[in-house]
Amino acid sequence: MLKTYKGSCHCGAVRYEAELALTQSSYRCNCSICRRNRFWLCRKCGVRPFGIGKQTPMGKMYGVNIGCLEGVTEEELSKIPITYVDGMHDRWQEAPQYTSHL
């Protein structure tokens, strides 16, 4: 079931709302963009709360950093399913060989 969540970067300069079902899988990718986004600085605090992919295998895609959602408990976060994708090698239907660092 979709629920509206609010999210923001750490300092609150960037804010958003998103309708999400936290029972659906989240994605972790090893492509060059996702690998470098682990610490992508914005103008204020350096937390990247969301992103927009324009040329993905699914077309235009919106992604939110689930760690930036407000009012979600540690327990709820720990239960979100994770799908690993091998974007580094354009194998979007397969998990990469190594995932612990993602």
PDB file of N, CA and C in Angstrom:
ATOM      1  N   MET A   1       0.839  -1.167   0.000  1.00  0.00           N
ATOM      2  CA  MET A   1       0.000   0.000   0.000  1.00  0.00           C
ATOM      3  C   MET A   1       0.896   1.246   0.000  1.00  0.00           C
ATOM      4  N   LEU A   2       0.562   2.191  -0.862  1.00  0.00           N
ATOM      5  CA  LEU A   2       1.332   3.422  -0.936  1.00  0.00           C
ATOM      6  C   LEU A   2       1.029   4.328   0.252  1.00  0.00           C
ATOM      7  N   LYS A   3       2.064   4.971   0.732  1.00  0.00           N
ATOM      8  CA  LYS A   3       1.937   5.925   1.818  1.00  0.00           C
ATOM      9  C   LYS A   3       2.790   7.131   1.449  1.00  0.00           C
ATOM     10  N   THR A   4       2.350   8.310   1.803  1.00  0.00           N
ATOM     11  CA  THR A   4       3.127   9.516   1.528  1.00  0.00           C
ATOM     12  C   THR A   4       4.129   9.744   2.648  1.00  0.00           C
ATOM     13  N   TYR A   5       5.391   9.824   2.261  1.00  0.00           N
ATOM     14  CA  TYR A   5       6.478  10.077   3.204  1.00  0.00           C
ATOM     15  C   TYR A   5       7.107  11.417   2.883  1.00  0.00           C
ATOM     16  N   LYS A   6       7.608  12.079   3.895  1.00  0.00           N
ATOM     17  CA  LYS A   6       8.396  13.288   3.720  1.00  0.00           C
ATOM     18  C   LYS A   6       9.849  12.908   3.929  1.00  0.00           C
ATOM     19  N   GLY A   7      10.718  13.600   3.217  1.00  0.00           N
ATOM     20  CA  GLY A   7      12.136  13.356   3.367  1.00  0.00           C
ATOM     21  C   GLY A   7      12.910  14.639   3.166  1.00  0.00           C
ATOM     22  N   SER A   8      14.172  14.614   3.583  1.00  0.00           N
ATOM     23  CA  SER A   8      15.014  15.797   3.423  1.00  0.00           C
ATOM     24  C   SER A   8      16.477  15.407   3.539  1.00  0.00           C
ATOM     25  N   CYS A   9      17.319  16.347   3.107  1.00  0.00           N
ATOM     26  CA  CYS A   9      18.742  16.185   3.388  1.00  0.00           C
ATOM     27  C   CYS A   9      18.945  16.458   4.877  1.00  0.00           C
ATOM     28  N   HIS A  10      20.146  16.323   5.361  1.00  0.00           N
ATOM     29  CA  HIS A  10      20.420  16.450   6.792  1.00  0.00           C
ATOM     30  C   HIS A  10      20.094  17.828   7.343  1.00  0.00           C
ATOM     31  N   CYS A  11      20.424  18.880   6.597  1.00  0.00           N
ATOM     32  CA  CYS A  11      20.199  20.235   7.106  1.00  0.00           C
ATOM     33  C   CYS A  11      18.814  20.767   6.785  1.00  0.00           C
ATOM     34  N   GLY A  12      18.040  20.051   5.951  1.00  0.00           N
ATOM     35  CA  GLY A  12      16.684  20.461   5.628  1.00  0.00           C
ATOM     36  C   GLY A  12      16.564  21.427   4.463  1.00  0.00           C
ATOM     37  N   ALA A  13      17.677  21.763   3.808  1.00  0.00           N
ATOM     38  CA  ALA A  13      17.631  22.693   2.674  1.00  0.00           C
ATOM     39  C   ALA A  13      16.910  22.074   1.472  1.00  0.00           C
ATOM     40  N   VAL A  14      17.001  20.761   1.329  1.00  0.00           N
ATOM     41  CA  VAL A  14      16.313  20.048   0.248  1.00  0.00           C
ATOM     42  C   VAL A  14      15.258  19.158   0.887  1.00  0.00           C
ATOM     43  N   ARG A  15      13.987  19.337   0.473  1.00  0.00           N
ATOM     44  CA  ARG A  15      12.878  18.575   1.048  1.00  0.00           C
ATOM     45  C   ARG A  15      12.045  17.993  -0.085  1.00  0.00           C
ATOM     46  N   TYR A  16      11.379  16.873   0.174  1.00  0.00           N
ATOM     47  CA  TYR A  16      10.503  16.271  -0.825  1.00  0.00           C
ATOM     48  C   TYR A  16       9.429  15.444  -0.154  1.00  0.00           C
ATOM     49  N   GLU A  17       8.431  15.059  -0.940  1.00  0.00           N
ATOM     50  CA  GLU A  17       7.408  14.091  -0.537  1.00  0.00           C
ATOM     51  C   GLU A  17       7.377  13.019  -1.600  1.00  0.00           C
ATOM     52  N   ALA A  18       7.136  11.784  -1.193  1.00  0.00           N
ATOM     53  CA  ALA A  18       7.073  10.673  -2.138  1.00  0.00           C
ATOM     54  C   ALA A  18       6.044   9.658  -1.663  1.00  0.00           C
ATOM     55  N   GLU A  19       5.308   9.098  -2.608  1.00  0.00           N
ATOM     56  CA  GLU A  19       4.384   8.011  -2.299  1.00  0.00           C
ATOM     57  C   GLU A  19       5.125   6.706  -2.528  1.00  0.00           C
ATOM     58  N   LEU A  20       5.288   5.943  -1.456  1.00  0.00           N
ATOM     59  CA  LEU A  20       6.083   4.719  -1.490  1.00  0.00           C
ATOM     60  C   LEU A  20       5.374   3.589  -0.777  1.00  0.00           C
ATOM     61  N   ALA A  21       5.708   2.381  -1.170  1.00  0.00           N
ATOM     62  CA  ALA A  21       5.318   1.183  -0.425  1.00  0.00           C
ATOM     63  C   ALA A  21       6.618   0.557   0.055  1.00  0.00           C
ATOM     64  N   LEU A  22       6.906   0.658   1.334  1.00  0.00           N
ATOM     65  CA  LEU A  22       8.180   0.157   1.850  1.00  0.00           C
ATOM     66  C   LEU A  22       8.265  -1.360   1.858  1.00  0.00           C
ATOM     67  N   THR A  23       7.207  -2.022   1.399  1.00  0.00           N
ATOM     68  CA  THR A  23       7.252  -3.473   1.246  1.00  0.00           C
ATOM     69  C   THR A  23       7.817  -3.863  -0.114  1.00  0.00           C
ATOM     70  N   GLN A  24       7.918  -2.904  -1.031  1.00  0.00           N
ATOM     71  CA  GLN A  24       8.518  -3.170  -2.335  1.00  0.00           C
ATOM     72  C   GLN A  24      10.026  -3.107  -2.213  1.00  0.00           C
ATOM     73  N   SER A  25      10.694  -3.756  -3.136  1.00  0.00           N
ATOM     74  CA  SER A  25      12.145  -3.838  -3.074  1.00  0.00           C
ATOM     75  C   SER A  25      12.808  -2.484  -3.295  1.00  0.00           C
ATOM     76  N   SER A  26      13.879  -2.263  -2.573  1.00  0.00           N
ATOM     77  CA  SER A  26      14.757  -1.139  -2.840  1.00  0.00           C
ATOM     78  C   SER A  26      15.897  -1.675  -3.712  1.00  0.00           C
ATOM     79  N   TYR A  27      16.663  -0.795  -4.307  1.00  0.00           N
ATOM     80  CA  TYR A  27      17.722  -1.230  -5.218  1.00  0.00           C
ATOM     81  C   TYR A  27      19.056  -0.669  -4.788  1.00  0.00           C
ATOM     82  N   ARG A  28      20.062  -1.498  -4.904  1.00  0.00           N
ATOM     83  CA  ARG A  28      21.442  -1.073  -4.699  1.00  0.00           C
ATOM     84  C   ARG A  28      22.215  -1.492  -5.930  1.00  0.00           C
ATOM     85  N   CYS A  29      22.961  -0.557  -6.462  1.00  0.00           N
ATOM     86  CA  CYS A  29      23.616  -0.750  -7.747  1.00  0.00           C
ATOM     87  C   CYS A  29      25.098  -0.450  -7.618  1.00  0.00           C
ATOM     88  N   ASN A  30      25.885  -1.035  -8.507  1.00  0.00           N
ATOM     89  CA  ASN A  30      27.327  -0.815  -8.495  1.00  0.00           C
ATOM     90  C   ASN A  30      27.797   0.003  -9.694  1.00  0.00           C
ATOM     91  N   CYS A  31      26.871   0.669 -10.420  1.00  0.00           N
ATOM     92  CA  CYS A  31      27.296   1.474 -11.573  1.00  0.00           C
ATOM     93  C   CYS A  31      28.115   2.674 -11.095  1.00  0.00           C
ATOM     94  N   SER A  32      28.770   3.350 -12.018  1.00  0.00           N
ATOM     95  CA  SER A  32      29.657   4.455 -11.639  1.00  0.00           C
ATOM     96  C   SER A  32      28.907   5.578 -10.929  1.00  0.00           C
ATOM     97  N   ILE A  33      27.676   5.846 -11.319  1.00  0.00           N
ATOM     98  CA  ILE A  33      26.913   6.912 -10.662  1.00  0.00           C
ATOM     99  C   ILE A  33      26.566   6.509  -9.234  1.00  0.00           C
ATOM    100  N   CYS A  34      26.006   5.325  -9.061  1.00  0.00           N
ATOM    101  CA  CYS A  34      25.605   4.889  -7.714  1.00  0.00           C
ATOM    102  C   CYS A  34      26.803   4.735  -6.784  1.00  0.00           C
ATOM    103  N   ARG A  35      27.909   4.220  -7.298  1.00  0.00           N
ATOM    104  CA  ARG A  35      29.101   4.077  -6.458  1.00  0.00           C
ATOM    105  C   ARG A  35      29.581   5.433  -5.959  1.00  0.00           C
ATOM    106  N   ARG A  36      29.548   6.423  -6.813  1.00  0.00           N
ATOM    107  CA  ARG A  36      30.044   7.745  -6.442  1.00  0.00           C
ATOM    108  C   ARG A  36      29.021   8.537  -5.630  1.00  0.00           C
ATOM    109  N   ASN A  37      27.767   8.159  -5.687  1.00  0.00           N
ATOM    110  CA  ASN A  37      26.729   8.864  -4.930  1.00  0.00           C
ATOM    111  C   ASN A  37      26.779   8.582  -3.442  1.00  0.00           C
ATOM    112  N   ARG A  38      27.617   7.718  -3.004  1.00  0.00           N
ATOM    113  CA  ARG A  38      27.683   7.421  -1.582  1.00  0.00           C
ATOM    114  C   ARG A  38      28.026   8.668  -0.770  1.00  0.00           C
ATOM    115  N   PHE A  39      28.708   9.617  -1.412  1.00  0.00           N
ATOM    116  CA  PHE A  39      29.018  10.881  -0.746  1.00  0.00           C
ATOM    117  C   PHE A  39      29.092  11.974  -1.806  1.00  0.00           C
ATOM    118  N   TRP A  40      27.939  12.304  -2.372  1.00  0.00           N
ATOM    119  CA  TRP A  40      27.862  13.320  -3.420  1.00  0.00           C
ATOM    120  C   TRP A  40      27.438  14.627  -2.776  1.00  0.00           C
ATOM    121  N   LEU A  41      28.306  15.589  -2.775  1.00  0.00           N
ATOM    122  CA  LEU A  41      28.052  16.845  -2.073  1.00  0.00           C
ATOM    123  C   LEU A  41      27.023  17.712  -2.793  1.00  0.00           C
ATOM    124  N   CYS A  42      25.998  18.192  -2.048  1.00  0.00           N
ATOM    125  CA  CYS A  42      25.141  19.284  -2.568  1.00  0.00           C
ATOM    126  C   CYS A  42      25.612  20.563  -1.902  1.00  0.00           C
ATOM    127  N   ARG A  43      24.995  21.689  -2.170  1.00  0.00           N
ATOM    128  CA  ARG A  43      25.521  22.985  -1.737  1.00  0.00           C
ATOM    129  C   ARG A  43      25.555  23.167  -0.228  1.00  0.00           C
ATOM    130  N   LYS A  44      24.722  22.481   0.492  1.00  0.00           N
ATOM    131  CA  LYS A  44      24.637  22.727   1.935  1.00  0.00           C
ATOM    132  C   LYS A  44      25.352  21.659   2.751  1.00  0.00           C
ATOM    133  N   CYS A  45      24.712  20.499   2.925  1.00  0.00           N
ATOM    134  CA  CYS A  45      25.229  19.547   3.907  1.00  0.00           C
ATOM    135  C   CYS A  45      25.873  18.302   3.299  1.00  0.00           C
ATOM    136  N   GLY A  46      25.693  18.045   2.028  1.00  0.00           N
ATOM    137  CA  GLY A  46      26.335  16.904   1.404  1.00  0.00           C
ATOM    138  C   GLY A  46      25.512  15.639   1.337  1.00  0.00           C
ATOM    139  N   VAL A  47      24.278  15.636   1.840  1.00  0.00           N
ATOM    140  CA  VAL A  47      23.431  14.455   1.782  1.00  0.00           C
ATOM    141  C   VAL A  47      22.571  14.528   0.524  1.00  0.00           C
ATOM    142  N   ARG A  48      22.570  13.470  -0.263  1.00  0.00           N
ATOM    143  CA  ARG A  48      21.767  13.430  -1.488  1.00  0.00           C
ATOM    144  C   ARG A  48      20.464  12.702  -1.180  1.00  0.00           C
ATOM    145  N   PRO A  49      19.347  13.422  -0.994  1.00  0.00           N
ATOM    146  CA  PRO A  49      18.110  12.801  -0.558  1.00  0.00           C
ATOM    147  C   PRO A  49      17.311  12.116  -1.662  1.00  0.00           C
ATOM    148  N   PHE A  50      17.530  12.490  -2.921  1.00  0.00           N
ATOM    149  CA  PHE A  50      16.827  11.851  -4.025  1.00  0.00           C
ATOM    150  C   PHE A  50      17.601  12.082  -5.312  1.00  0.00           C
ATOM    151  N   GLY A  51      17.198  11.369  -6.352  1.00  0.00           N
ATOM    152  CA  GLY A  51      17.827  11.540  -7.653  1.00  0.00           C
ATOM    153  C   GLY A  51      16.847  11.210  -8.756  1.00  0.00           C
ATOM    154  N   ILE A  52      17.167  11.664  -9.951  1.00  0.00           N
ATOM    155  CA  ILE A  52      16.346  11.395 -11.128  1.00  0.00           C
ATOM    156  C   ILE A  52      17.245  10.793 -12.192  1.00  0.00           C
ATOM    157  N   GLY A  53      16.885   9.590 -12.651  1.00  0.00           N
ATOM    158  CA  GLY A  53      17.602   8.946 -13.742  1.00  0.00           C
ATOM    159  C   GLY A  53      16.818   9.159 -15.033  1.00  0.00           C
ATOM    160  N   LYS A  54      17.470   9.692 -16.041  1.00  0.00           N
ATOM    161  CA  LYS A  54      16.761  10.003 -17.282  1.00  0.00           C
ATOM    162  C   LYS A  54      16.930   8.927 -18.347  1.00  0.00           C
ATOM    163  N   GLN A  55      18.025   8.212 -18.318  1.00  0.00           N
ATOM    164  CA  GLN A  55      18.273   7.180 -19.322  1.00  0.00           C
ATOM    165  C   GLN A  55      18.589   5.863 -18.631  1.00  0.00           C
ATOM    166  N   THR A  56      17.585   5.293 -18.014  1.00  0.00           N
ATOM    167  CA  THR A  56      17.740   4.021 -17.315  1.00  0.00           C
ATOM    168  C   THR A  56      17.058   2.929 -18.139  1.00  0.00           C
ATOM    169  N   PRO A  57      17.271   1.664 -17.823  1.00  0.00           N
ATOM    170  CA  PRO A  57      16.566   0.590 -18.535  1.00  0.00           C
ATOM    171  C   PRO A  57      15.046   0.710 -18.434  1.00  0.00           C
ATOM    172  N   MET A  58      14.558   1.437 -17.423  1.00  0.00           N
ATOM    173  CA  MET A  58      13.118   1.622 -17.250  1.00  0.00           C
ATOM    174  C   MET A  58      12.638   2.948 -17.808  1.00  0.00           C
ATOM    175  N   GLY A  59      13.518   3.720 -18.425  1.00  0.00           N
ATOM    176  CA  GLY A  59      13.173   5.071 -18.841  1.00  0.00           C
ATOM    177  C   GLY A  59      13.453   6.027 -17.702  1.00  0.00           C
ATOM    178  N   LYS A  60      12.688   7.112 -17.619  1.00  0.00           N
ATOM    179  CA  LYS A  60      12.894   8.085 -16.549  1.00  0.00           C
ATOM    180  C   LYS A  60      12.511   7.462 -15.216  1.00  0.00           C
ATOM    181  N   MET A  61      13.370   7.641 -14.222  1.00  0.00           N
ATOM    182  CA  MET A  61      13.167   6.997 -12.934  1.00  0.00           C
ATOM    183  C   MET A  61      13.473   7.995 -11.817  1.00  0.00           C
ATOM    184  N   TYR A  62      12.655   7.961 -10.786  1.00  0.00           N
ATOM    185  CA  TYR A  62      12.888   8.757  -9.587  1.00  0.00           C
ATOM    186  C   TYR A  62      13.307   7.809  -8.476  1.00  0.00           C
ATOM    187  N   GLY A  63      14.363   8.159  -7.787  1.00  0.00           N
ATOM    188  CA  GLY A  63      14.812   7.351  -6.666  1.00  0.00           C
ATOM    189  C   GLY A  63      14.948   8.203  -5.430  1.00  0.00           C
ATOM    190  N   VAL A  64      14.542   7.674  -4.294  1.00  0.00           N
ATOM    191  CA  VAL A  64      14.705   8.400  -3.042  1.00  0.00           C
ATOM    192  C   VAL A  64      15.681   7.649  -2.152  1.00  0.00           C
ATOM    193  N   ASN A  65      16.414   8.390  -1.380  1.00  0.00           N
ATOM    194  CA  ASN A  65      17.320   7.823  -0.396  1.00  0.00           C
ATOM    195  C   ASN A  65      16.465   7.459   0.815  1.00  0.00           C
ATOM    196  N   ILE A  66      16.215   6.173   1.016  1.00  0.00           N
ATOM    197  CA  ILE A  66      15.297   5.776   2.090  1.00  0.00           C
ATOM    198  C   ILE A  66      15.816   6.159   3.469  1.00  0.00           C
ATOM    199  N   GLY A  67      17.110   6.372   3.586  1.00  0.00           N
ATOM    200  CA  GLY A  67      17.672   6.837   4.848  1.00  0.00           C
ATOM    201  C   GLY A  67      17.298   8.282   5.162  1.00  0.00           C
ATOM    202  N   CYS A  68      16.771   9.000   4.171  1.00  0.00           N
ATOM    203  CA  CYS A  68      16.367  10.403   4.363  1.00  0.00           C
ATOM    204  C   CYS A  68      14.883  10.557   4.650  1.00  0.00           C
ATOM    205  N   LEU A  69      14.147   9.449   4.713  1.00  0.00           N
ATOM    206  CA  LEU A  69      12.714   9.533   4.999  1.00  0.00           C
ATOM    207  C   LEU A  69      12.494   9.831   6.469  1.00  0.00           C
ATOM    208  N   GLU A  70      11.528  10.686   6.740  1.00  0.00           N
ATOM    209  CA  GLU A  70      11.216  11.061   8.117  1.00  0.00           C
ATOM    210  C   GLU A  70      10.155  10.125   8.685  1.00  0.00           C
ATOM    211  N   GLY A  71      10.273   9.790   9.951  1.00  0.00           N
ATOM    212  CA  GLY A  71       9.263   8.985  10.623  1.00  0.00           C
ATOM    213  C   GLY A  71       9.314   7.504  10.318  1.00  0.00           C
ATOM    214  N   VAL A  72      10.409   7.019   9.756  1.00  0.00           N
ATOM    215  CA  VAL A  72      10.570   5.589   9.482  1.00  0.00           C
ATOM    216  C   VAL A  72      11.544   5.042  10.521  1.00  0.00           C
ATOM    217  N   THR A  73      11.118   4.016  11.231  1.00  0.00           N
ATOM    218  CA  THR A  73      11.949   3.466  12.306  1.00  0.00           C
ATOM    219  C   THR A  73      13.078   2.604  11.755  1.00  0.00           C
ATOM    220  N   GLU A  74      14.063   2.348  12.597  1.00  0.00           N
ATOM    221  CA  GLU A  74      15.162   1.450  12.228  1.00  0.00           C
ATOM    222  C   GLU A  74      14.619   0.064  11.883  1.00  0.00           C
ATOM    223  N   GLU A  75      13.625  -0.372  12.626  1.00  0.00           N
ATOM    224  CA  GLU A  75      13.026  -1.680  12.360  1.00  0.00           C
ATOM    225  C   GLU A  75      12.375  -1.710  10.979  1.00  0.00           C
ATOM    226  N   GLU A  76      11.623  -0.659  10.639  1.00  0.00           N
ATOM    227  CA  GLU A  76      10.993  -0.605   9.318  1.00  0.00           C
ATOM    228  C   GLU A  76      12.038  -0.578   8.206  1.00  0.00           C
ATOM    229  N   LEU A  77      13.094   0.205   8.386  1.00  0.00           N
ATOM    230  CA  LEU A  77      14.161   0.260   7.387  1.00  0.00           C
ATOM    231  C   LEU A  77      14.816  -1.103   7.197  1.00  0.00           C
ATOM    232  N   SER A  78      15.013  -1.826   8.281  1.00  0.00           N
ATOM    233  CA  SER A  78      15.695  -3.118   8.200  1.00  0.00           C
ATOM    234  C   SER A  78      14.866  -4.177   7.483  1.00  0.00           C
ATOM    235  N   LYS A  79      13.568  -3.958   7.356  1.00  0.00           N
ATOM    236  CA  LYS A  79      12.693  -4.932   6.714  1.00  0.00           C
ATOM    237  C   LYS A  79      12.465  -4.663   5.223  1.00  0.00           C
ATOM    238  N   ILE A  80      12.979  -3.552   4.706  1.00  0.00           N
ATOM    239  CA  ILE A  80      12.786  -3.233   3.291  1.00  0.00           C
ATOM    240  C   ILE A  80      13.628  -4.192   2.461  1.00  0.00           C
ATOM    241  N   PRO A  81      12.998  -4.925   1.533  1.00  0.00           N
ATOM    242  CA  PRO A  81      13.766  -5.854   0.699  1.00  0.00           C
ATOM    243  C   PRO A  81      14.777  -5.104  -0.169  1.00  0.00           C
ATOM    244  N   ILE A  82      15.902  -5.737  -0.450  1.00  0.00           N
ATOM    245  CA  ILE A  82      16.949  -5.140  -1.282  1.00  0.00           C
ATOM    246  C   ILE A  82      17.175  -6.027  -2.497  1.00  0.00           C
ATOM    247  N   THR A  83      17.173  -5.408  -3.673  1.00  0.00           N
ATOM    248  CA  THR A  83      17.549  -6.072  -4.915  1.00  0.00           C
ATOM    249  C   THR A  83      18.856  -5.452  -5.375  1.00  0.00           C
ATOM    250  N   TYR A  84      19.892  -6.256  -5.558  1.00  0.00           N
ATOM    251  CA  TYR A  84      21.182  -5.777  -6.043  1.00  0.00           C
ATOM    252  C   TYR A  84      21.211  -5.914  -7.552  1.00  0.00           C
ATOM    253  N   VAL A  85      21.692  -4.870  -8.246  1.00  0.00           N
ATOM    254  CA  VAL A  85      21.779  -4.923  -9.706  1.00  0.00           C
ATOM    255  C   VAL A  85      23.196  -4.586 -10.146  1.00  0.00           C
ATOM    256  N   ASP A  86      23.634  -5.241 -11.214  1.00  0.00           N
ATOM    257  CA  ASP A  86      24.990  -5.064 -11.737  1.00  0.00           C
ATOM    258  C   ASP A  86      24.983  -4.035 -12.864  1.00  0.00           C
ATOM    259  N   GLY A  87      24.776  -2.776 -12.488  1.00  0.00           N
ATOM    260  CA  GLY A  87      24.773  -1.698 -13.462  1.00  0.00           C
ATOM    261  C   GLY A  87      26.145  -1.430 -14.053  1.00  0.00           C
ATOM    262  N   MET A  88      27.200  -1.782 -13.330  1.00  0.00           N
ATOM    263  CA  MET A  88      28.563  -1.575 -13.822  1.00  0.00           C
ATOM    264  C   MET A  88      28.781  -2.291 -15.156  1.00  0.00           C
ATOM    265  N   HIS A  89      28.125  -3.444 -15.311  1.00  0.00           N
ATOM    266  CA  HIS A  89      28.292  -4.254 -16.522  1.00  0.00           C
ATOM    267  C   HIS A  89      27.011  -4.316 -17.354  1.00  0.00           C
ATOM    268  N   ASP A  90      26.089  -3.370 -17.100  1.00  0.00           N
ATOM    269  CA  ASP A  90      24.803  -3.318 -17.820  1.00  0.00           C
ATOM    270  C   ASP A  90      24.034  -4.630 -17.744  1.00  0.00           C
ATOM    271  N   ARG A  91      24.127  -5.307 -16.596  1.00  0.00           N
ATOM    272  CA  ARG A  91      23.355  -6.528 -16.355  1.00  0.00           C
ATOM    273  C   ARG A  91      22.332  -6.206 -15.269  1.00  0.00           C
ATOM    274  N   TRP A  92      21.281  -5.516 -15.677  1.00  0.00           N
ATOM    275  CA  TRP A  92      20.312  -4.967 -14.746  1.00  0.00           C
ATOM    276  C   TRP A  92      19.427  -6.017 -14.108  1.00  0.00           C
ATOM    277  N   GLN A  93      19.421  -7.224 -14.657  1.00  0.00           N
ATOM    278  CA  GLN A  93      18.601  -8.304 -14.103  1.00  0.00           C
ATOM    279  C   GLN A  93      19.412  -9.244 -13.218  1.00  0.00           C
ATOM    280  N   GLU A  94      20.689  -8.919 -13.009  1.00  0.00           N
ATOM    281  CA  GLU A  94      21.577  -9.792 -12.229  1.00  0.00           C
ATOM    282  C   GLU A  94      22.220  -9.018 -11.076  1.00  0.00           C
ATOM    283  N   ALA A  95      22.527  -9.737 -10.041  1.00  0.00           N
ATOM    284  CA  ALA A  95      23.273  -9.140  -8.920  1.00  0.00           C
ATOM    285  C   ALA A  95      24.757  -9.153  -9.250  1.00  0.00           C
ATOM    286  N   PRO A  96      25.505  -8.142  -8.798  1.00  0.00           N
ATOM    287  CA  PRO A  96      26.955  -8.179  -8.990  1.00  0.00           C
ATOM    288  C   PRO A  96      27.576  -9.245  -8.096  1.00  0.00           C
ATOM    289  N   GLN A  97      28.807  -9.593  -8.417  1.00  0.00           N
ATOM    290  CA  GLN A  97      29.492 -10.628  -7.646  1.00  0.00           C
ATOM    291  C   GLN A  97      29.697 -10.193  -6.197  1.00  0.00           C
ATOM    292  N   TYR A  98      29.992  -8.917  -5.969  1.00  0.00           N
ATOM    293  CA  TYR A  98      30.236  -8.412  -4.610  1.00  0.00           C
ATOM    294  C   TYR A  98      29.176  -7.384  -4.251  1.00  0.00           C
ATOM    295  N   THR A  99      28.578  -7.537  -3.086  1.00  0.00           N
ATOM    296  CA  THR A  99      27.487  -6.618  -2.696  1.00  0.00           C
ATOM    297  C   THR A  99      27.646  -6.015  -1.294  1.00  0.00           C
ATOM    298  N   SER A 100      28.548  -6.527  -0.480  1.00  0.00           N
ATOM    299  CA  SER A 100      28.606  -6.077   0.908  1.00  0.00           C
ATOM    300  C   SER A 100      28.943  -4.594   1.031  1.00  0.00           C
ATOM    301  N   HIS A 101      29.649  -4.032   0.075  1.00  0.00           N
ATOM    302  CA  HIS A 101      30.012  -2.611   0.117  1.00  0.00           C
ATOM    303  C   HIS A 101      28.906  -1.704  -0.403  1.00  0.00           C
ATOM    304  N   LEU A 102      27.885  -2.275  -0.987  1.00  0.00           N
ATOM    305  CA  LEU A 102      26.789  -1.482  -1.529  1.00  0.00           C
ATOM    306  C   LEU A 102      25.811  -1.221  -0.436  1.00  0.00           C
TER     307      LEU A 102
END
